[in-house]
PDB file of N, CA and C in Angstrom:
ATOM      1  N   MET A   1     108.908 101.835  -3.386  1.00  0.00           N
ATOM      2  CA  MET A   1     109.358 103.130  -3.855  1.00  0.00           C
ATOM      3  C   MET A   1     110.840 103.028  -4.217  1.00  0.00           C
ATOM      4  N   ASN A   2     111.259 103.813  -5.170  1.00  0.00           N
ATOM      5  CA  ASN A   2     112.663 103.793  -5.570  1.00  0.00           C
ATOM      6  C   ASN A   2     113.510 104.664  -4.646  1.00  0.00           C
ATOM      7  N   ARG A   3     114.808 104.522  -4.768  1.00  0.00           N
ATOM      8  CA  ARG A   3     115.738 105.253  -3.890  1.00  0.00           C
ATOM      9  C   ARG A   3     115.589 106.766  -4.049  1.00  0.00           C
ATOM     10  N   GLY A   4     115.380 107.242  -5.280  1.00  0.00           N
ATOM     11  CA  GLY A   4     115.230 108.681  -5.503  1.00  0.00           C
ATOM     12  C   GLY A   4     114.039 109.243  -4.741  1.00  0.00           C
ATOM     13  N   GLY A   5     112.937 108.526  -4.761  1.00  0.00           N
ATOM     14  CA  GLY A   5     111.757 108.959  -4.013  1.00  0.00           C
ATOM     15  C   GLY A   5     111.995 108.918  -2.516  1.00  0.00           C
ATOM     16  N   SER A   6     112.706 107.892  -2.058  1.00  0.00           N
ATOM     17  CA  SER A   6     113.042 107.801  -0.631  1.00  0.00           C
ATOM     18  C   SER A   6     113.933 108.960  -0.214  1.00  0.00           C
ATOM     19  N   ILE A   7     114.887 109.300  -1.060  1.00  0.00           N
ATOM     20  CA  ILE A   7     115.785 110.408  -0.738  1.00  0.00           C
ATOM     21  C   ILE A   7     115.007 111.716  -0.654  1.00  0.00           C
ATOM     22  N   ARG A   8     114.076 111.947  -1.560  1.00  0.00           N
ATOM     23  CA  ARG A   8     113.253 113.172  -1.504  1.00  0.00           C
ATOM     24  C   ARG A   8     112.434 113.214  -0.211  1.00  0.00           C
ATOM     25  N   THR A   9     111.851 112.088   0.174  1.00  0.00           N
ATOM     26  CA  THR A   9     111.059 112.038   1.408  1.00  0.00           C
ATOM     27  C   THR A   9     111.937 112.249   2.623  1.00  0.00           C
ATOM     28  N   LEU A  10     113.101 111.598   2.664  1.00  0.00           N
ATOM     29  CA  LEU A  10     114.019 111.781   3.787  1.00  0.00           C
ATOM     30  C   LEU A  10     114.516 113.222   3.865  1.00  0.00           C
ATOM     31  N   ASN A  11     114.769 113.853   2.729  1.00  0.00           N
ATOM     32  CA  ASN A  11     115.168 115.265   2.730  1.00  0.00           C
ATOM     33  C   ASN A  11     114.062 116.155   3.274  1.00  0.00           C
ATOM     34  N   SER A  12     112.824 115.801   2.977  1.00  0.00           N
ATOM     35  CA  SER A  12     111.691 116.537   3.539  1.00  0.00           C
ATOM     36  C   SER A  12     111.670 116.410   5.060  1.00  0.00           C
ATOM     37  N   PHE A  13     111.900 115.195   5.562  1.00  0.00           N
ATOM     38  CA  PHE A  13     111.988 114.993   7.012  1.00  0.00           C
ATOM     39  C   PHE A  13     113.123 115.847   7.585  1.00  0.00           C
ATOM     40  N   LEU A  14     114.252 115.869   6.901  1.00  0.00           N
ATOM     41  CA  LEU A  14     115.412 116.620   7.378  1.00  0.00           C
ATOM     42  C   LEU A  14     115.116 118.115   7.449  1.00  0.00           C
ATOM     43  N   ARG A  15     114.440 118.661   6.450  1.00  0.00           N
ATOM     44  CA  ARG A  15     114.079 120.083   6.495  1.00  0.00           C
ATOM     45  C   ARG A  15     113.213 120.382   7.713  1.00  0.00           C
ATOM     46  N   GLY A  16     112.299 119.487   8.033  1.00  0.00           N
ATOM     47  CA  GLY A  16     111.475 119.657   9.225  1.00  0.00           C
ATOM     48  C   GLY A  16     112.300 119.623  10.494  1.00  0.00           C
ATOM     49  N   GLU A  17     113.282 118.734  10.531  1.00  0.00           N
ATOM     50  CA  GLU A  17     114.146 118.640  11.707  1.00  0.00           C
ATOM     51  C   GLU A  17     114.983 119.899  11.878  1.00  0.00           C
ATOM     52  N   ILE A  18     115.485 120.449  10.793  1.00  0.00           N
ATOM     53  CA  ILE A  18     116.276 121.683  10.860  1.00  0.00           C
ATOM     54  C   ILE A  18     115.405 122.825  11.366  1.00  0.00           C
ATOM     55  N   ALA A  19     114.176 122.910  10.889  1.00  0.00           N
ATOM     56  CA  ALA A  19     113.254 123.946  11.375  1.00  0.00           C
ATOM     57  C   ALA A  19     112.969 123.755  12.855  1.00  0.00           C
ATOM     58  N   ALA A  20     112.846 122.515  13.295  1.00  0.00           N
ATOM     59  CA  ALA A  20     112.581 122.229  14.706  1.00  0.00           C
ATOM     60  C   ALA A  20     113.729 122.696  15.583  1.00  0.00           C
ATOM     61  N   VAL A  21     114.938 122.416  15.163  1.00  0.00           N
ATOM     62  CA  VAL A  21     116.106 122.834  15.942  1.00  0.00           C
ATOM     63  C   VAL A  21     116.110 124.351  16.091  1.00  0.00           C
ATOM     64  N   ALA A  22     115.826 125.065  15.024  1.00  0.00           N
ATOM     65  CA  ALA A  22     115.781 126.531  15.095  1.00  0.00           C
ATOM     66  C   ALA A  22     114.701 126.995  16.070  1.00  0.00           C
ATOM     67  N   SER A  23     113.555 126.327  16.053  1.00  0.00           N
ATOM     68  CA  SER A  23     112.463 126.688  16.967  1.00  0.00           C
ATOM     69  C   SER A  23     112.830 126.423  18.422  1.00  0.00           C
ATOM     70  N   TYR A  24     113.453 125.278  18.682  1.00  0.00           N
ATOM     71  CA  TYR A  24     113.865 124.969  20.054  1.00  0.00           C
ATOM     72  C   TYR A  24     114.899 125.970  20.550  1.00  0.00           C
ATOM     73  N   ARG A  25     115.844 126.338  19.708  1.00  0.00           N
ATOM     74  CA  ARG A  25     116.862 127.310  20.123  1.00  0.00           C
ATOM     75  C   ARG A  25     116.223 128.662  20.433  1.00  0.00           C
ATOM     76  N   LEU A  26     115.266 129.061  19.641  1.00  0.00           N
ATOM     77  CA  LEU A  26     114.556 130.315  19.899  1.00  0.00           C
ATOM     78  C   LEU A  26     113.805 130.240  21.218  1.00  0.00           C
ATOM     79  N   ALA A  27     113.126 129.139  21.460  1.00  0.00           N
ATOM     80  CA  ALA A  27     112.380 128.972  22.713  1.00  0.00           C
ATOM     81  C   ALA A  27     113.320 128.969  23.917  1.00  0.00           C
ATOM     82  N   LEU A  28     114.467 128.318  23.779  1.00  0.00           N
ATOM     83  CA  LEU A  28     115.419 128.245  24.890  1.00  0.00           C
ATOM     84  C   LEU A  28     115.937 129.628  25.291  1.00  0.00           C
ATOM     85  N   ALA A  29     116.001 130.536  24.357  1.00  0.00           N
ATOM     86  CA  ALA A  29     116.476 131.884  24.658  1.00  0.00           C
ATOM     87  C   ALA A  29     115.509 132.634  25.567  1.00  0.00           C
ATOM     88  N   HIS A  30     114.277 132.162  25.677  1.00  0.00           N
ATOM     89  CA  HIS A  30     113.253 132.860  26.452  1.00  0.00           C
ATOM     90  C   HIS A  30     112.770 132.105  27.682  1.00  0.00           C
ATOM     91  N   VAL A  31     113.301 130.922  27.928  1.00  0.00           N
ATOM     92  CA  VAL A  31     112.845 130.097  29.046  1.00  0.00           C
ATOM     93  C   VAL A  31     113.603 130.482  30.315  1.00  0.00           C
ATOM     94  N   VAL A  32     112.859 130.648  31.417  1.00  0.00           N
ATOM     95  CA  VAL A  32     113.499 130.965  32.697  1.00  0.00           C
ATOM     96  C   VAL A  32     113.437 129.791  33.671  1.00  0.00           C
ATOM     97  N   ASP A  33     112.508 128.893  33.484  1.00  0.00           N
ATOM     98  CA  ASP A  33     112.343 127.732  34.358  1.00  0.00           C
ATOM     99  C   ASP A  33     113.376 126.671  33.997  1.00  0.00           C
ATOM    100  N   ARG A  34     114.214 126.283  34.954  1.00  0.00           N
ATOM    101  CA  ARG A  34     115.302 125.318  34.701  1.00  0.00           C
ATOM    102  C   ARG A  34     114.779 123.955  34.262  1.00  0.00           C
ATOM    103  N   ARG A  35     113.673 123.503  34.841  1.00  0.00           N
ATOM    104  CA  ARG A  35     113.115 122.199  34.461  1.00  0.00           C
ATOM    105  C   ARG A  35     112.675 122.210  32.999  1.00  0.00           C
ATOM    106  N   THR A  36     111.965 123.268  32.616  1.00  0.00           N
ATOM    107  CA  THR A  36     111.516 123.384  31.234  1.00  0.00           C
ATOM    108  C   THR A  36     112.711 123.511  30.298  1.00  0.00           C
ATOM    109  N   GLU A  37     113.708 124.254  30.720  1.00  0.00           N
ATOM    110  CA  GLU A  37     114.917 124.398  29.901  1.00  0.00           C
ATOM    111  C   GLU A  37     115.573 123.035  29.659  1.00  0.00           C
ATOM    112  N   ALA A  38     115.699 122.241  30.710  1.00  0.00           N
ATOM    113  CA  ALA A  38     116.313 120.916  30.568  1.00  0.00           C
ATOM    114  C   ALA A  38     115.507 120.034  29.626  1.00  0.00           C
ATOM    115  N   GLU A  39     114.191 120.095  29.747  1.00  0.00           N
ATOM    116  CA  GLU A  39     113.339 119.276  28.880  1.00  0.00           C
ATOM    117  C   GLU A  39     113.430 119.749  27.428  1.00  0.00           C
ATOM    118  N   LEU A  40     113.465 121.067  27.221  1.00  0.00           N
ATOM    119  CA  LEU A  40     113.606 121.591  25.861  1.00  0.00           C
ATOM    120  C   LEU A  40     114.956 121.200  25.266  1.00  0.00           C
ATOM    121  N   ARG A  41     115.991 121.229  26.083  1.00  0.00           N
ATOM    122  CA  ARG A  41     117.312 120.811  25.587  1.00  0.00           C
ATOM    123  C   ARG A  41     117.299 119.338  25.175  1.00  0.00           C
ATOM    124  N   ALA A  42     116.584 118.518  25.918  1.00  0.00           N
ATOM    125  CA  ALA A  42     116.479 117.100  25.553  1.00  0.00           C
ATOM    126  C   ALA A  42     115.744 116.952  24.224  1.00  0.00           C
ATOM    127  N   CYS A  43     114.690 117.727  24.035  1.00  0.00           N
ATOM    128  CA  CYS A  43     113.968 117.674  22.757  1.00  0.00           C
ATOM    129  C   CYS A  43     114.829 118.208  21.621  1.00  0.00           C
ATOM    130  N   LEU A  44     115.585 119.273  21.910  1.00  0.00           N
ATOM    131  CA  LEU A  44     116.473 119.832  20.900  1.00  0.00           C
ATOM    132  C   LEU A  44     117.489 118.783  20.464  1.00  0.00           C
ATOM    133  N   ALA A  45     118.025 118.070  21.421  1.00  0.00           N
ATOM    134  CA  ALA A  45     118.993 117.027  21.088  1.00  0.00           C
ATOM    135  C   ALA A  45     118.338 115.934  20.242  1.00  0.00           C
ATOM    136  N   SER A  46     117.063 115.733  20.436  1.00  0.00           N
ATOM    137  CA  SER A  46     116.345 114.708  19.702  1.00  0.00           C
ATOM    138  C   SER A  46     115.966 115.177  18.303  1.00  0.00           C
ATOM    139  N   HIS A  47     115.407 116.416  18.179  1.00  0.00           N
ATOM    140  CA  HIS A  47     115.015 116.948  16.870  1.00  0.00           C
ATOM    141  C   HIS A  47     114.089 118.135  16.870  1.00  0.00           C
ATOM    142  N   GLU A  48     113.150 118.236  16.099  1.00  0.00           N
ATOM    143  CA  GLU A  48     111.894 118.737  15.597  1.00  0.00           C
ATOM    144  C   GLU A  48     111.110 119.953  15.257  1.00  0.00           C
ATOM    145  N   GLU A  49     110.062 120.199  14.539  1.00  0.00           N
ATOM    146  CA  GLU A  49     109.098 121.070  13.861  1.00  0.00           C
ATOM    147  C   GLU A  49     107.819 121.074  14.663  1.00  0.00           C
ATOM    148  N   GLY A  50     106.827 121.865  14.283  1.00  0.00           N
ATOM    149  CA  GLY A  50     105.556 121.767  14.978  1.00  0.00           C
ATOM    150  C   GLY A  50     105.295 120.294  15.206  1.00  0.00           C
ATOM    151  N   GLU A  51     105.361 119.887  16.448  1.00  0.00           N
ATOM    152  CA  GLU A  51     105.351 118.457  16.762  1.00  0.00           C
ATOM    153  C   GLU A  51     104.132 117.732  16.207  1.00  0.00           C
ATOM    154  N   ASP A  52     102.975 118.341  16.260  1.00  0.00           N
ATOM    155  CA  ASP A  52     101.788 117.684  15.707  1.00  0.00           C
ATOM    156  C   ASP A  52     101.970 117.453  14.209  1.00  0.00           C
ATOM    157  N   ARG A  53     102.384 118.495  13.522  1.00  0.00           N
ATOM    158  CA  ARG A  53     102.557 118.412  12.073  1.00  0.00           C
ATOM    159  C   ARG A  53     103.691 117.460  11.714  1.00  0.00           C
ATOM    160  N   GLY A  54     104.776 117.534  12.478  1.00  0.00           N
ATOM    161  CA  GLY A  54     105.915 116.660  12.208  1.00  0.00           C
ATOM    162  C   GLY A  54     105.576 115.189  12.364  1.00  0.00           C
ATOM    163  N   LEU A  55     104.912 114.867  13.458  1.00  0.00           N
ATOM    164  CA  LEU A  55     104.530 113.469  13.680  1.00  0.00           C
ATOM    165  C   LEU A  55     103.562 113.009  12.598  1.00  0.00           C
ATOM    166  N   GLU A  56     102.616 113.853  12.273  1.00  0.00           N
ATOM    167  CA  GLU A  56     101.643 113.500  11.230  1.00  0.00           C
ATOM    168  C   GLU A  56     102.348 113.234   9.907  1.00  0.00           C
ATOM    169  N   ARG A  57     103.326 114.076   9.576  1.00  0.00           N
ATOM    170  CA  ARG A  57     104.037 113.899   8.314  1.00  0.00           C
ATOM    171  C   ARG A  57     104.851 112.607   8.310  1.00  0.00           C
ATOM    172  N   TYR A  58     105.527 112.320   9.417  1.00  0.00           N
ATOM    173  CA  TYR A  58     106.273 111.060   9.482  1.00  0.00           C
ATOM    174  C   TYR A  58     105.339 109.873   9.288  1.00  0.00           C
ATOM    175  N   LEU A  59     104.227 109.869  10.000  1.00  0.00           N
ATOM    176  CA  LEU A  59     103.299 108.741   9.901  1.00  0.00           C
ATOM    177  C   LEU A  59     102.729 108.605   8.495  1.00  0.00           C
ATOM    178  N   HIS A  60     102.433 109.715   7.864  1.00  0.00           N
ATOM    179  CA  HIS A  60     101.863 109.699   6.520  1.00  0.00           C
ATOM    180  C   HIS A  60     102.891 109.293   5.466  1.00  0.00           C
ATOM    181  N   ASP A  61     104.116 109.842   5.578  1.00  0.00           N
ATOM    182  CA  ASP A  61     105.095 109.676   4.515  1.00  0.00           C
ATOM    183  C   ASP A  61     106.020 108.478   4.677  1.00  0.00           C
ATOM    184  N   VAL A  62     106.027 107.829   5.820  1.00  0.00           N
ATOM    185  CA  VAL A  62     106.919 106.685   6.004  1.00  0.00           C
ATOM    186  C   VAL A  62     106.617 105.592   4.982  1.00  0.00           C
ATOM    187  N   GLY A  63     105.388 105.493   4.560  1.00  0.00           N
ATOM    188  CA  GLY A  63     105.010 104.505   3.554  1.00  0.00           C
ATOM    189  C   GLY A  63     105.576 104.799   2.180  1.00  0.00           C
ATOM    190  N   LYS A  64     106.072 106.012   1.962  1.00  0.00           N
ATOM    191  CA  LYS A  64     106.673 106.383   0.681  1.00  0.00           C
ATOM    192  C   LYS A  64     108.128 105.927   0.563  1.00  0.00           C
ATOM    193  N   LEU A  65     108.681 105.438   1.661  1.00  0.00           N
ATOM    194  CA  LEU A  65     110.090 105.072   1.684  1.00  0.00           C
ATOM    195  C   LEU A  65     110.321 103.642   1.203  1.00  0.00           C
ATOM    196  N   ASP A  66     111.540 103.395   0.736  1.00  0.00           N
ATOM    197  CA  ASP A  66     111.915 102.027   0.419  1.00  0.00           C
ATOM    198  C   ASP A  66     111.992 101.238   1.730  1.00  0.00           C
ATOM    199  N   GLN A  67     112.052  99.941   1.650  1.00  0.00           N
ATOM    200  CA  GLN A  67     111.960  99.076   2.835  1.00  0.00           C
ATOM    201  C   GLN A  67     113.061  99.368   3.859  1.00  0.00           C
ATOM    202  N   ASP A  68     114.297  99.521   3.418  1.00  0.00           N
ATOM    203  CA  ASP A  68     115.397  99.776   4.360  1.00  0.00           C
ATOM    204  C   ASP A  68     115.222 101.112   5.072  1.00  0.00           C
ATOM    205  N   SER A  69     114.881 102.141   4.319  1.00  0.00           N
ATOM    206  CA  SER A  69     114.676 103.466   4.920  1.00  0.00           C
ATOM    207  C   SER A  69     113.499 103.455   5.877  1.00  0.00           C
ATOM    208  N   ARG A  70     112.426 102.770   5.493  1.00  0.00           N
ATOM    209  CA  ARG A  70     111.236 102.676   6.342  1.00  0.00           C
ATOM    210  C   ARG A  70     111.577 102.000   7.671  1.00  0.00           C
ATOM    211  N   ARG A  71     112.398 100.970   7.602  1.00  0.00           N
ATOM    212  CA  ARG A  71     112.808 100.267   8.820  1.00  0.00           C
ATOM    213  C   ARG A  71     113.622 101.189   9.737  1.00  0.00           C
ATOM    214  N   ILE A  72     114.551 101.956   9.184  1.00  0.00           N
ATOM    215  CA  ILE A  72     115.374 102.867   9.980  1.00  0.00           C
ATOM    216  C   ILE A  72     114.523 103.960  10.607  1.00  0.00           C
ATOM    217  N   VAL A  73     113.653 104.562   9.823  1.00  0.00           N
ATOM    218  CA  VAL A  73     112.780 105.609  10.351  1.00  0.00           C
ATOM    219  C   VAL A  73     111.881 105.041  11.442  1.00  0.00           C
ATOM    220  N   GLY A  74     111.323 103.873  11.220  1.00  0.00           N
ATOM    221  CA  GLY A  74     110.434 103.257  12.203  1.00  0.00           C
ATOM    222  C   GLY A  74     111.128 102.888  13.498  1.00  0.00           C
ATOM    223  N   ARG A  75     112.366 102.490  13.395  1.00  0.00           N
ATOM    224  CA  ARG A  75     113.096 102.041  14.588  1.00  0.00           C
ATOM    225  C   ARG A  75     113.824 103.176  15.301  1.00  0.00           C
ATOM    226  N   GLU A  76     114.364 104.141  14.554  1.00  0.00           N
ATOM    227  CA  GLU A  76     115.221 105.172  15.142  1.00  0.00           C
ATOM    228  C   GLU A  76     114.564 106.537  15.275  1.00  0.00           C
ATOM    229  N   ILE A  77     113.854 106.979  14.264  1.00  0.00           N
ATOM    230  CA  ILE A  77     113.369 108.358  14.225  1.00  0.00           C
ATOM    231  C   ILE A  77     111.962 108.494  14.771  1.00  0.00           C
ATOM    232  N   LEU A  78     111.061 107.648  14.343  1.00  0.00           N
ATOM    233  CA  LEU A  78     109.660 107.759  14.751  1.00  0.00           C
ATOM    234  C   LEU A  78     109.463 107.682  16.259  1.00  0.00           C
ATOM    235  N   PRO A  79     110.148 106.792  16.987  1.00  0.00           N
ATOM    236  CA  PRO A  79     109.965 106.782  18.445  1.00  0.00           C
ATOM    237  C   PRO A  79     110.348 108.110  19.109  1.00  0.00           C
ATOM    238  N   GLU A  80     111.379 108.778  18.599  1.00  0.00           N
ATOM    239  CA  GLU A  80     111.767 110.082  19.146  1.00  0.00           C
ATOM    240  C   GLU A  80     110.730 111.143  18.807  1.00  0.00           C
ATOM    241  N   GLN A  81     110.162 111.069  17.612  1.00  0.00           N
ATOM    242  CA  GLN A  81     109.085 111.994  17.236  1.00  0.00           C
ATOM    243  C   GLN A  81     107.918 111.861  18.203  1.00  0.00           C
ATOM    244  N   VAL A  82     107.536 110.641  18.499  1.00  0.00           N
ATOM    245  CA  VAL A  82     106.411 110.397  19.417  1.00  0.00           C
ATOM    246  C   VAL A  82     106.749 110.913  20.810  1.00  0.00           C
ATOM    247  N   ARG A  83     107.977 110.663  21.271  1.00  0.00           N
ATOM    248  CA  ARG A  83     108.381 111.100  22.614  1.00  0.00           C
ATOM    249  C   ARG A  83     108.318 112.625  22.745  1.00  0.00           C
ATOM    250  N   THR A  84     108.902 113.344  21.785  1.00  0.00           N
ATOM    251  CA  THR A  84     108.880 114.807  21.892  1.00  0.00           C
ATOM    252  C   THR A  84     107.481 115.361  21.665  1.00  0.00           C
ATOM    253  N   HIS A  85     106.709 114.733  20.806  1.00  0.00           N
ATOM    254  CA  HIS A  85     105.323 115.160  20.598  1.00  0.00           C
ATOM    255  C   HIS A  85     104.547 115.052  21.906  1.00  0.00           C
ATOM    256  N   ASP A  86     104.684 113.917  22.574  1.00  0.00           N
ATOM    257  CA  ASP A  86     103.969 113.713  23.840  1.00  0.00           C
ATOM    258  C   ASP A  86     104.443 114.686  24.906  1.00  0.00           C
ATOM    259  N   TRP A  87     105.754 114.920  24.987  1.00  0.00           N
ATOM    260  CA  TRP A  87     106.277 115.845  25.991  1.00  0.00           C
ATOM    261  C   TRP A  87     105.746 117.255  25.757  1.00  0.00           C
ATOM    262  N   LEU A  88     105.772 117.722  24.509  1.00  0.00           N
ATOM    263  CA  LEU A  88     105.276 119.074  24.241  1.00  0.00           C
ATOM    264  C   LEU A  88     103.777 119.181  24.471  1.00  0.00           C
ATOM    265  N   SER A  89     103.045 118.130  24.185  1.00  0.00           N
ATOM    266  CA  SER A  89     101.610 118.141  24.484  1.00  0.00           C
ATOM    267  C   SER A  89     101.376 118.280  25.985  1.00  0.00           C
ATOM    268  N   ASP A  90     102.159 117.547  26.779  1.00  0.00           N
ATOM    269  CA  ASP A  90     102.062 117.662  28.238  1.00  0.00           C
ATOM    270  C   ASP A  90     102.447 119.058  28.705  1.00  0.00           C
ATOM    271  N   LEU A  91     103.489 119.629  28.109  1.00  0.00           N
ATOM    272  CA  LEU A  91     103.922 120.980  28.479  1.00  0.00           C
ATOM    273  C   LEU A  91     102.833 122.003  28.176  1.00  0.00           C
ATOM    274  N   LYS A  92     102.197 121.875  27.032  1.00  0.00           N
ATOM    275  CA  LYS A  92     101.101 122.791  26.688  1.00  0.00           C
ATOM    276  C   LYS A  92      99.962 122.692  27.705  1.00  0.00           C
ATOM    277  N   LEU A  93      99.607 121.471  28.083  1.00  0.00           N
ATOM    278  CA  LEU A  93      98.542 121.280  29.075  1.00  0.00           C
ATOM    279  C   LEU A  93      98.932 121.846  30.422  1.00  0.00           C
ATOM    280  N   ARG A  94     100.184 121.612  30.831  1.00  0.00           N
ATOM    281  CA  ARG A  94     100.669 122.130  32.107  1.00  0.00           C
ATOM    282  C   ARG A  94     100.673 123.652  32.098  1.00  0.00           C
ATOM    283  N   ASP A  95     101.137 124.242  30.993  1.00  0.00           N
ATOM    284  CA  ASP A  95     101.152 125.689  30.876  1.00  0.00           C
ATOM    285  C   ASP A  95      99.754 126.277  30.878  1.00  0.00           C
ATOM    286  N   ALA A  96      98.819 125.640  30.200  1.00  0.00           N
ATOM    287  CA  ALA A  96      97.435 126.113  30.181  1.00  0.00           C
ATOM    288  C   ALA A  96      96.827 126.023  31.570  1.00  0.00           C
ATOM    289  N   GLY A  97      97.141 124.973  32.311  1.00  0.00           N
ATOM    290  CA  GLY A  97      96.637 124.819  33.665  1.00  0.00           C
ATOM    291  C   GLY A  97      97.182 125.892  34.588  1.00  0.00           C
ATOM    292  N   LEU A  98      98.439 126.245  34.426  1.00  0.00           N
ATOM    293  CA  LEU A  98      99.031 127.303  35.244  1.00  0.00           C
ATOM    294  C   LEU A  98      98.397 128.654  34.945  1.00  0.00           C
ATOM    295  N   ARG A  99      98.131 128.930  33.683  1.00  0.00           N
ATOM    296  CA  ARG A  99      97.493 130.205  33.328  1.00  0.00           C
ATOM    297  C   ARG A  99      96.064 130.266  33.864  1.00  0.00           C
ATOM    298  N   ASP A 100      95.343 129.149  33.765  1.00  0.00           N
ATOM    299  CA  ASP A 100      93.959 129.129  34.263  1.00  0.00           C
ATOM    300  C   ASP A 100      93.918 129.280  35.772  1.00  0.00           C
ATOM    301  N   ALA A 101      94.897 128.698  36.471  1.00  0.00           N
ATOM    302  CA  ALA A 101      94.926 128.754  37.936  1.00  0.00           C
ATOM    303  C   ALA A 101      95.391 130.114  38.436  1.00  0.00           C
ATOM    304  N   GLY A 102      96.147 130.834  37.587  1.00  0.00           N
ATOM    305  CA  GLY A 102      96.724 132.104  38.021  1.00  0.00           C
ATOM    306  C   GLY A 102      95.761 133.194  37.911  1.00  0.00           C
TER     307      GLY A 102
END
């Protein structure tokens, strides 16, 4: 892929990251549990958008990048996407378990 196409794809990733930051900040305004707050702050520092959709988009679109960009995304960004995706999935399960038990 050419640099122009890579830049468009990277800008798409960036728009998702900006949306994620806004979502995390909104969620943090409503969290009362200190542990959850700390974990959300860690995710906020890392990035992200609807984690399922964001991870799916990274995995799908990384192949559209030029080799250098693909290497950077694969080494620096994608591992953080996976980490926050997994954490939020665990949080959803934990929250669902608490509601079912209550």
